[in-house]
């Protein structure tokens, strides 16, 4: 693994295990570890990539700082890390945004933590069999390709957008980002994970104590509480809830919570559906190979006949 640019870290393909991406942990490390345990995370072979905002708000200060020194943890900086760095460099008091923990540290500890945070890249590239999965805290500007973005990260204006911009989610831009297979972002709270083109928006907790959304690169699936989340259909569920006058946050979350009670067969269908979304980004001549790679993952499960029929249709269309 080598840095492509000082501000970008590239992770070579993980041939022994899996890569998991999470954002906006906000000192909720116990929640994070619970979610990883449900996915049988193995630190000996798997990797954890944190998309910024590890710090502030939550209860697990010591556990979060310990993560920064683990060889299987990789991280980009978020706006909360940047606020810590800026306060430290400019000798300012930093106690807003749930940051009273910072004031409780000794000067020596502050120096150690801030130095580590200041060494974090603004972006990570994860190599996988389908190409590159990019990880940025907030956004890649809508007019930029991935290549232009990483080359532009030396400019403060692009760094600021990587840390702070919410445009893609607030405007619900579905155009995606050219030059990456997937892009994982956080920063902007959503009640459930969403997919906008090839962009995965993962911040569905913003430090509120609920289960974190965890994306597995190899499965191409977002999990919450160990269960696949059909992020493509979530906006439709929200619209249906609103049509039935479920307007309060608690009522809407109750509707969304019904997904958690789905049985194993439905979870299997959700996982297959998530995996198949990648076919939209394949050239026609490669689609059969893509489906066969999915068949290997699902083996002799109940969805195997569906995949076999789909493969026949794709071959006829080739």
Protein backbone atom coordinates (compact mmCIF):
# COMPACT_ATOMS: atom_id res chain seq x y z
CA UNK A 1 0.00 0.00 0.00
CA UNK A 2 1.39 3.36 -0.97
CA UNK A 3 0.24 6.97 -1.04
CA UNK A 4 -0.76 8.12 -4.49
CA UNK A 5 -0.62 11.72 -3.34
CA UNK A 6 0.18 13.08 0.14
CA UNK A 7 -3.53 13.76 0.61
CA UNK A 8 -4.73 10.42 -0.80
CA UNK A 9 -4.04 6.93 0.51
CA UNK A 10 -4.42 3.92 -1.77
CA UNK A 11 -5.15 0.47 -0.33
CA UNK A 12 -4.20 -2.46 -2.53
CA UNK A 13 -6.74 -5.21 -3.10
CA UNK A 14 -7.36 -7.34 -0.02
CA UNK A 15 -6.74 -10.89 -1.20
CA UNK A 16 -7.16 -12.46 2.25
CA UNK A 17 -10.23 -10.77 3.68
CA UNK A 18 -12.84 -8.05 3.32
CA UNK A 19 -12.99 -4.26 3.50
CA UNK A 20 -15.66 -2.51 5.57
CA UNK A 21 -16.44 1.21 5.37
CA UNK A 22 -18.19 3.25 8.05
CA UNK A 23 -18.55 7.00 8.58
CA UNK A 24 -19.38 9.40 11.40
CA UNK A 25 -18.62 7.06 14.29
CA UNK A 26 -18.49 10.00 16.73
CA UNK A 27 -16.98 8.05 19.64
CA UNK A 28 -19.56 5.26 19.31
CA UNK A 29 -16.93 2.55 19.09
CA UNK A 30 -18.92 -0.04 21.04
CA UNK A 31 -21.78 0.32 18.56
CA UNK A 32 -19.27 -0.02 15.74
CA UNK A 33 -17.77 -3.18 17.20
CA UNK A 34 -21.22 -4.68 17.74
CA UNK A 35 -22.02 -4.12 14.07
CA UNK A 36 -18.71 -5.59 12.92
CA UNK A 37 -19.14 -8.63 15.18
CA UNK A 38 -22.49 -9.38 13.51
CA UNK A 39 -20.61 -9.45 10.19
CA UNK A 40 -17.91 -11.79 11.59
CA UNK A 41 -15.22 -9.15 11.19
CA UNK A 42 -11.74 -10.67 11.54
CA UNK A 43 -8.97 -8.14 12.27
CA UNK A 44 -6.36 -10.66 11.15
CA UNK A 45 -7.52 -10.45 7.52
CA UNK A 46 -10.23 -7.76 7.27
CA UNK A 47 -9.85 -3.98 7.07
CA UNK A 48 -11.90 -1.17 8.55
CA UNK A 49 -11.98 2.14 6.70
CA UNK A 50 -13.48 5.09 8.61
CA UNK A 51 -14.82 7.92 6.48
CA UNK A 52 -14.09 10.70 8.95
CA UNK A 53 -15.68 12.10 12.12
CA UNK A 54 -14.42 9.46 14.51
CA UNK A 55 -14.29 12.10 17.26
CA UNK A 56 -16.79 14.14 19.35
CA UNK A 57 -20.25 13.56 20.87
CA UNK A 58 -20.22 9.90 21.97
CA UNK A 59 -19.01 8.08 25.09
CA UNK A 60 -16.11 5.90 23.87
CA UNK A 61 -13.19 8.31 23.88
CA UNK A 62 -10.44 5.89 24.88
CA UNK A 63 -11.61 3.13 22.53
CA UNK A 64 -11.79 5.58 19.62
CA UNK A 65 -8.28 6.91 20.18
CA UNK A 66 -7.03 3.32 20.39
CA UNK A 67 -8.46 2.65 16.91
CA UNK A 68 -6.07 5.21 15.43
CA UNK A 69 -3.10 2.99 16.24
CA UNK A 70 -4.43 -0.33 14.93
CA UNK A 71 -2.85 -1.76 11.75
CA UNK A 72 -6.20 -2.86 10.27
CA UNK A 73 -7.85 0.56 10.65
CA UNK A 74 -7.55 3.23 7.96
CA UNK A 75 -9.20 6.63 8.09
CA UNK A 76 -9.82 9.87 6.22
CA UNK A 77 -10.21 13.11 8.12
CA UNK A 78 -13.67 14.60 8.61
CA UNK A 79 -14.74 18.11 9.47
CA UNK A 80 -14.67 17.27 13.20
CA UNK A 81 -11.05 16.10 12.98
CA UNK A 82 -10.24 19.26 11.03
CA UNK A 83 -11.80 21.44 13.73
CA UNK A 84 -9.59 19.74 16.32
CA UNK A 85 -6.52 20.24 14.11
CA UNK A 86 -7.30 23.91 13.47
CA UNK A 87 -7.84 24.64 17.18
CA UNK A 88 -4.59 22.89 18.06
CA UNK A 89 -2.54 24.69 15.41
CA UNK A 90 -3.99 28.08 16.26
CA UNK A 91 -3.95 27.57 20.03
CA UNK A 92 -7.71 28.06 20.24
CA UNK A 93 -10.16 26.54 22.72
CA UNK A 94 -12.18 23.74 21.13
CA UNK A 95 -15.19 22.71 23.18
CA UNK A 96 -18.15 22.95 20.79
CA UNK A 97 -19.78 20.12 18.83
CA UNK A 98 -19.51 17.64 21.68
CA UNK A 99 -15.78 18.25 22.12
CA UNK A 100 -15.48 18.65 25.89
CA UNK A 101 -13.27 15.54 25.76
CA UNK A 102 -10.56 17.66 24.09
CA UNK A 103 -10.37 20.11 26.97
CA UNK A 104 -9.96 17.21 29.42
CA UNK A 105 -6.75 15.99 27.73
CA UNK A 106 -3.34 17.08 28.92
CA UNK A 107 -1.26 19.28 26.63
CA UNK A 108 0.95 16.30 25.82
CA UNK A 109 -2.04 14.12 24.93
CA UNK A 110 -3.53 16.88 22.81
CA UNK A 111 -0.28 17.11 20.87
CA UNK A 112 -0.22 13.35 20.27
CA UNK A 113 -3.86 13.13 19.18
CA UNK A 114 -3.78 16.23 16.96
CA UNK A 115 -0.54 15.13 15.30
CA UNK A 116 -2.12 11.79 14.43
CA UNK A 117 -5.28 13.43 13.11
CA UNK A 118 -3.22 15.86 11.05
CA UNK A 119 -1.53 12.92 9.33
CA UNK A 120 -4.85 11.58 8.01
CA UNK A 121 -5.53 11.82 4.26
CA UNK A 122 -8.54 13.57 2.78
CA UNK A 123 -9.41 10.58 0.61
CA UNK A 124 -8.79 6.83 0.44
CA UNK A 125 -8.86 4.63 -2.65
CA UNK A 126 -9.69 0.96 -2.05
CA UNK A 127 -8.76 -1.39 -4.86
CA UNK A 128 -11.28 -4.20 -5.50
CA UNK A 129 -12.11 -6.56 -8.33
CA UNK A 130 -14.52 -4.04 -9.85
CA UNK A 131 -12.19 -1.04 -9.72
CA UNK A 132 -11.76 1.69 -7.12
CA UNK A 133 -13.96 2.41 -4.12
CA UNK A 134 -13.37 5.97 -3.01
CA UNK A 135 -13.87 7.18 0.56
CA UNK A 136 -14.32 10.89 1.34
CA UNK A 137 -15.97 12.41 4.37
CA UNK A 138 -18.49 14.82 2.83
CA UNK A 139 -18.52 15.05 -0.96
CA UNK A 140 -16.82 15.10 -4.32
CA UNK A 141 -18.11 18.20 -6.16
CA UNK A 142 -20.76 17.24 -8.71
CA UNK A 143 -18.86 18.64 -11.69
CA UNK A 144 -15.63 16.72 -10.94
CA UNK A 145 -14.38 13.27 -11.88
CA UNK A 146 -12.59 11.27 -9.21
CA UNK A 147 -9.25 11.83 -10.94
CA UNK A 148 -9.77 15.59 -11.07
CA UNK A 149 -10.86 15.57 -7.43
CA UNK A 150 -7.82 13.78 -6.04
CA UNK A 151 -5.49 15.90 -8.18
CA UNK A 152 -7.26 19.01 -6.91
CA UNK A 153 -6.99 18.12 -3.23
CA UNK A 154 -3.88 20.25 -2.92
CA UNK A 155 -6.19 23.28 -3.22
CA UNK A 156 -7.84 24.48 0.02
CA UNK A 157 -11.19 25.00 -1.73
CA UNK A 158 -11.40 21.35 -2.79
CA UNK A 159 -10.30 20.20 0.67
CA UNK A 160 -13.11 22.27 2.19
CA UNK A 161 -15.69 20.61 -0.08
CA UNK A 162 -14.31 17.17 0.82
CA UNK A 163 -14.85 18.00 4.49
CA UNK A 164 -18.00 20.11 4.53
CA UNK A 165 -20.08 20.08 1.34
CA UNK A 166 -23.63 18.63 1.51
CA UNK A 167 -24.77 19.45 -2.03
CA UNK A 168 -24.99 15.90 -3.37
CA UNK A 169 -27.41 14.79 -0.68
CA UNK A 170 -29.41 17.98 -0.17
CA UNK A 171 -30.03 18.23 -3.93
CA UNK A 172 -30.44 14.44 -4.26
CA UNK A 173 -27.97 14.34 -7.16
CA UNK A 174 -28.00 10.87 -8.74
CA UNK A 175 -25.40 11.47 -11.45
CA UNK A 176 -22.66 9.71 -9.50
CA UNK A 177 -18.92 10.26 -9.79
CA UNK A 178 -16.98 9.17 -12.85
CA UNK A 179 -13.71 7.31 -12.27
CA UNK A 180 -14.70 5.18 -9.27
CA UNK A 181 -16.84 2.06 -8.97
CA UNK A 182 -18.32 3.23 -5.66
CA UNK A 183 -17.86 6.37 -3.55
CA UNK A 184 -18.60 6.26 0.19
CA UNK A 185 -19.50 9.53 1.92
CA UNK A 186 -20.96 10.62 5.26
CA UNK A 187 -21.29 14.01 7.01
CA UNK A 188 -24.94 14.62 6.09
CA UNK A 189 -27.44 12.82 8.29
CA UNK A 190 -30.08 10.61 6.69
CA UNK A 191 -32.57 8.38 8.54
CA UNK A 192 -31.33 5.45 6.44
CA UNK A 193 -28.42 4.79 4.04
CA UNK A 194 -28.98 5.88 0.46
CA UNK A 195 -27.50 5.29 -2.94
CA UNK A 196 -27.18 8.21 -5.35
CA UNK A 197 -25.84 6.77 -8.59
CA UNK A 198 -22.62 5.06 -7.57
CA UNK A 199 -22.38 7.15 -4.38
CA UNK A 200 -23.25 5.54 -1.02
CA UNK A 201 -24.36 7.94 1.73
CA UNK A 202 -23.72 6.17 5.04
CA UNK A 203 -24.32 8.62 7.89
CA UNK A 204 -27.59 7.42 9.43
CA UNK A 205 -26.68 8.07 13.08
CA UNK A 206 -24.63 11.31 13.33
CA UNK A 207 -23.67 10.21 16.83
CA UNK A 208 -27.21 9.58 18.13
CA UNK A 209 -26.47 6.18 19.66
CA UNK A 210 -28.15 4.02 17.01
CA UNK A 211 -26.65 1.24 14.94
CA UNK A 212 -24.11 2.38 12.36
CA UNK A 213 -24.37 1.66 8.64
CA UNK A 214 -21.44 -0.51 7.54
CA UNK A 215 -20.64 -1.07 3.86
CA UNK A 216 -18.85 -4.26 2.79
CA UNK A 217 -16.91 -3.73 -0.43
CA UNK A 218 -16.76 -7.41 -1.35
CA UNK A 219 -20.52 -7.91 -0.82
CA UNK A 220 -21.38 -4.51 -2.28
CA UNK A 221 -23.93 -4.34 0.53
CA UNK A 222 -24.73 -1.90 3.31
CA UNK A 223 -25.54 -3.53 6.65
CA UNK A 224 -27.29 -2.11 9.69
CA UNK A 225 -27.37 -4.34 12.78
CA UNK A 226 -25.86 -7.11 10.67
CA UNK A 227 -28.74 -7.09 8.17
CA UNK A 228 -28.59 -6.01 4.52
CA UNK A 229 -30.24 -2.69 3.80
CA UNK A 230 -31.94 -2.19 0.47
CA UNK A 231 -30.85 1.41 0.18
CA UNK A 232 -32.20 1.78 -3.37
CA UNK A 233 -35.80 1.22 -2.20
CA UNK A 234 -35.66 3.31 0.96
CA UNK A 235 -36.83 6.60 -0.63
CA UNK A 236 -39.94 4.80 -1.91
CA UNK A 237 -40.70 3.55 1.60
CA UNK A 238 -40.33 7.09 2.88
CA UNK A 239 -42.77 8.38 0.24
CA UNK A 240 -45.29 5.67 1.14
CA UNK A 241 -44.98 6.54 4.81
CA UNK A 242 -45.60 10.20 4.08
CA UNK A 243 -48.64 9.33 1.94
CA UNK A 244 -50.07 7.53 4.96
CA UNK A 245 -49.46 10.61 7.13
CA UNK A 246 -46.57 9.09 9.06
CA UNK A 247 -44.95 12.48 9.55
CA UNK A 248 -43.15 12.33 12.89
CA UNK A 249 -39.56 11.07 13.02
CA UNK A 250 -40.54 8.34 15.46
CA UNK A 251 -43.37 7.19 13.21
CA UNK A 252 -41.17 7.16 10.15
CA UNK A 253 -38.48 5.24 12.00
CA UNK A 254 -41.11 2.72 13.06
CA UNK A 255 -41.97 2.15 9.40
CA UNK A 256 -38.30 1.80 8.52
CA UNK A 257 -37.81 -0.50 11.49
CA UNK A 258 -40.07 -3.08 9.89
CA UNK A 259 -37.12 -4.00 7.70
CA UNK A 260 -35.36 -5.32 10.77
CA UNK A 261 -37.94 -8.07 11.21
CA UNK A 262 -37.57 -9.56 7.72
CA UNK A 263 -36.78 -13.26 7.67
CA UNK A 264 -33.64 -14.86 6.27
CA UNK A 265 -35.09 -15.42 2.80
CA UNK A 266 -35.93 -11.76 2.39
CA UNK A 267 -32.48 -10.76 3.66
CA UNK A 268 -31.03 -13.04 0.99
CA UNK A 269 -33.09 -11.35 -1.70
CA UNK A 270 -32.00 -7.93 -0.48
CA UNK A 271 -28.35 -8.95 -0.60
CA UNK A 272 -28.76 -10.31 -4.12
CA UNK A 273 -30.53 -7.15 -5.25
CA UNK A 274 -27.75 -4.98 -3.83
CA UNK A 275 -25.15 -7.11 -5.57
CA UNK A 276 -26.97 -6.88 -8.90
CA UNK A 277 -27.06 -3.08 -8.89
CA UNK A 278 -23.44 -3.20 -10.02
CA UNK A 279 -24.48 -4.68 -13.37
CA UNK A 280 -25.67 -1.22 -14.39
CA UNK A 281 -22.03 -0.09 -14.48
CA UNK A 282 -20.82 -3.04 -16.58
CA UNK A 283 -20.33 -3.03 -20.32
CA UNK A 284 -22.73 -5.40 -22.08
CA UNK A 285 -19.92 -7.85 -22.93
CA UNK A 286 -18.92 -8.12 -19.26
CA UNK A 287 -22.36 -8.60 -17.73
CA UNK A 288 -22.38 -12.40 -17.94
CA UNK A 289 -19.05 -12.59 -16.10
CA UNK A 290 -20.41 -10.19 -13.48
CA UNK A 291 -23.47 -12.39 -12.85
CA UNK A 292 -21.28 -15.49 -12.62
CA UNK A 293 -19.19 -13.80 -9.95
CA UNK A 294 -22.39 -13.17 -8.00
CA UNK A 295 -23.43 -16.81 -8.47
CA UNK A 296 -20.24 -17.91 -6.72
CA UNK A 297 -21.15 -15.79 -3.69
CA UNK A 298 -24.69 -17.14 -3.36
CA UNK A 299 -23.90 -20.79 -4.13
CA UNK A 300 -26.82 -23.18 -3.66
CA UNK A 301 -29.10 -20.70 -1.91
CA UNK A 302 -32.73 -20.03 -2.81
CA UNK A 303 -31.75 -17.24 -5.18
CA UNK A 304 -29.54 -19.49 -7.33
CA UNK A 305 -32.34 -20.30 -9.87
CA UNK A 306 -33.09 -16.58 -10.27
CA UNK A 307 -29.46 -15.85 -11.05
CA UNK A 308 -29.33 -18.75 -13.50
CA UNK A 309 -32.36 -17.38 -15.38
CA UNK A 310 -30.86 -13.91 -15.40
CA UNK A 311 -27.62 -15.28 -16.83
CA UNK A 312 -29.55 -16.96 -19.65
CA UNK A 313 -31.28 -13.67 -20.50
CA UNK A 314 -28.01 -11.75 -20.48
CA UNK A 315 -26.36 -14.33 -22.76
CA UNK A 316 -29.28 -14.09 -25.18
CA UNK A 317 -28.91 -10.31 -25.21
CA UNK A 318 -25.13 -10.39 -25.74
